[in-house]
Amino acid sequence: MSKYVKLEDVIRVINAHSYVIPEDAVNHIFDRINSLPSIDEEWVSVDDRLPSHGEDYNVVLDLNDNMGPPVSGIMEFDGINKEWNYPGTDVICDCVTHWQPLPQPPPTINKKL
């Protein structure tokens, strides 16, 4: 079974079967779907959406206010305060422009952990 589904496929299935679902349940379902990584997009702009829960993410940082090249790194997202922090600290970073979930480690590394 695939780990990822396309949002359009889910909508098509719901519409094809004429399911009657309460609006708040539909909103909850779509919020959960929108928080999942997409196979169609590698990077998500923070202007489009933020992660739905706190953990570490790959991020693109604009440290120079568009005066130099952006850099990438790993930042921790605080899901309660909706802020990006330097990992292991409470230091807030307001220069994140894009994010994506971290990939799974290679199988050989998982075995060593």
Foldseek 3Di string as FASTA:
>chain_A
DDPADDPVVVVVVCVVVVDDDDPVVVVVVVVVNVLDFHPVDAKDFVVVHDHQAWDKWWFWFDPPVPPDHIDIDIWIAHNVVRFTHRPPDPHTDPGTTITHHDDDDPPVVVVVD
